[in-house]
Amino acid sequence: MAKKSKKKETPKVNEELEGFTMNINSFGEISSSFSIDKINEFLNKNVDDKKLRDREDSKKDPSKGDH
């Protein structure tokens, strides 16, 4: 029986994450093509955090400067 060849397909990603790569070296260190700040900014904007959903301070709009 012939072996199936694995093709490296690029996954479908959000436009903002185009070109993002993440690698783990032999020592277990994670390297990324984006800074952690850029990744966190994307996650904060696009992912709902269930743990923070009902908190009063998270309901304020951070773009208005209400702190």
C-alpha atoms as a PDB file:
ATOM      1  CA  MET A   1       0.000   0.000   0.000  1.00  0.00           C
ATOM      2  CA  ALA A   2       1.361   3.418  -0.939  1.00  0.00           C
ATOM      3  CA  LYS A   3       2.009   6.018   1.728  1.00  0.00           C
ATOM      4  CA  LYS A   4      -0.094   9.133   1.716  1.00  0.00           C
ATOM      5  CA  SER A   5       2.022  12.208   1.222  1.00  0.00           C
ATOM      6  CA  LYS A   6       1.333  15.079   3.553  1.00  0.00           C
ATOM      7  CA  LYS A   7       0.987  18.374   1.761  1.00  0.00           C
ATOM      8  CA  LYS A   8       1.688  21.509   3.724  1.00  0.00           C
ATOM      9  CA  GLU A   9      -1.506  23.444   3.332  1.00  0.00           C
ATOM     10  CA  THR A  10      -1.781  26.927   4.712  1.00  0.00           C
ATOM     11  CA  PRO A  11      -4.778  27.185   7.019  1.00  0.00           C
ATOM     12  CA  LYS A  12      -7.543  29.686   6.421  1.00  0.00           C
ATOM     13  CA  VAL A  13      -6.992  32.607   8.778  1.00  0.00           C
ATOM     14  CA  ASN A  14      -8.416  36.012   9.537  1.00  0.00           C
ATOM     15  CA  GLU A  15      -6.990  38.776   7.312  1.00  0.00           C
ATOM     16  CA  GLU A  16      -5.365  40.435  10.329  1.00  0.00           C
ATOM     17  CA  LEU A  17      -3.359  37.259  11.019  1.00  0.00           C
ATOM     18  CA  GLU A  18      -2.146  36.719   7.459  1.00  0.00           C
ATOM     19  CA  GLY A  19       1.497  35.635   7.588  1.00  0.00           C
ATOM     20  CA  PHE A  20       1.337  34.493  11.220  1.00  0.00           C
ATOM     21  CA  THR A  21       3.511  31.483  11.983  1.00  0.00           C
ATOM     22  CA  MET A  22       4.326  29.784  15.254  1.00  0.00           C
ATOM     23  CA  ASN A  23       7.098  27.250  15.845  1.00  0.00           C
ATOM     24  CA  ILE A  24       8.326  25.230  18.819  1.00  0.00           C
ATOM     25  CA  ASN A  25      12.025  24.378  18.836  1.00  0.00           C
ATOM     26  CA  SER A  26      13.682  21.294  20.330  1.00  0.00           C
ATOM     27  CA  PHE A  27      13.995  23.042  23.719  1.00  0.00           C
ATOM     28  CA  GLY A  28      10.247  23.741  23.870  1.00  0.00           C
ATOM     29  CA  GLU A  29      10.653  27.454  23.208  1.00  0.00           C
ATOM     30  CA  ILE A  30       7.855  29.052  21.221  1.00  0.00           C
ATOM     31  CA  SER A  31       8.736  31.528  18.494  1.00  0.00           C
ATOM     32  CA  SER A  32       6.227  33.539  16.529  1.00  0.00           C
ATOM     33  CA  SER A  33       6.228  35.855  13.544  1.00  0.00           C
ATOM     34  CA  PHE A  34       3.991  38.345  15.448  1.00  0.00           C
ATOM     35  CA  SER A  35       4.686  40.063  18.743  1.00  0.00           C
ATOM     36  CA  ILE A  36       2.710  38.842  21.741  1.00  0.00           C
ATOM     37  CA  ASP A  37       1.181  42.322  22.043  1.00  0.00           C
ATOM     38  CA  LYS A  38      -0.237  42.129  18.527  1.00  0.00           C
ATOM     39  CA  ILE A  39      -1.660  38.651  19.209  1.00  0.00           C
ATOM     40  CA  ASN A  40      -3.242  39.813  22.489  1.00  0.00           C
ATOM     41  CA  GLU A  41      -4.719  42.877  20.793  1.00  0.00           C
ATOM     42  CA  PHE A  42      -6.324  40.649  18.147  1.00  0.00           C
ATOM     43  CA  LEU A  43      -7.686  38.224  20.766  1.00  0.00           C
ATOM     44  CA  ASN A  44      -9.091  41.022  22.946  1.00  0.00           C
ATOM     45  CA  LYS A  45     -10.884  42.479  19.953  1.00  0.00           C
ATOM     46  CA  ASN A  46     -12.248  39.234  18.474  1.00  0.00           C
ATOM     47  CA  VAL A  47     -12.719  36.667  21.258  1.00  0.00           C
ATOM     48  CA  ASP A  48     -15.367  36.787  23.987  1.00  0.00           C
ATOM     49  CA  ASP A  49     -13.940  35.872  27.404  1.00  0.00           C
ATOM     50  CA  LYS A  50     -16.627  33.927  29.317  1.00  0.00           C
ATOM     51  CA  LYS A  51     -14.987  34.623  32.673  1.00  0.00           C
ATOM     52  CA  LEU A  52     -15.145  38.388  32.187  1.00  0.00           C
ATOM     53  CA  ARG A  53     -18.600  38.532  30.613  1.00  0.00           C
ATOM     54  CA  ASP A  54     -20.524  39.651  33.736  1.00  0.00           C
ATOM     55  CA  ARG A  55     -17.954  42.001  35.273  1.00  0.00           C
ATOM     56  CA  GLU A  56     -18.970  45.646  35.635  1.00  0.00           C
ATOM     57  CA  ASP A  57     -15.543  47.061  34.682  1.00  0.00           C
ATOM     58  CA  SER A  58     -15.463  45.067  31.422  1.00  0.00           C
ATOM     59  CA  LYS A  59     -18.700  46.677  30.188  1.00  0.00           C
ATOM     60  CA  LYS A  60     -17.034  50.071  29.764  1.00  0.00           C
ATOM     61  CA  ASP A  61     -15.911  50.972  26.257  1.00  0.00           C
ATOM     62  CA  PRO A  62     -12.079  51.135  26.340  1.00  0.00           C
ATOM     63  CA  SER A  63     -11.997  53.352  23.245  1.00  0.00           C
ATOM     64  CA  LYS A  64     -13.818  56.153  25.134  1.00  0.00           C
ATOM     65  CA  GLY A  65     -11.167  56.367  27.831  1.00  0.00           C
ATOM     66  CA  ASP A  66     -13.477  55.501  30.760  1.00  0.00           C
ATOM     67  CA  HIS A  67     -11.175  54.039  33.408  1.00  0.00           C
END
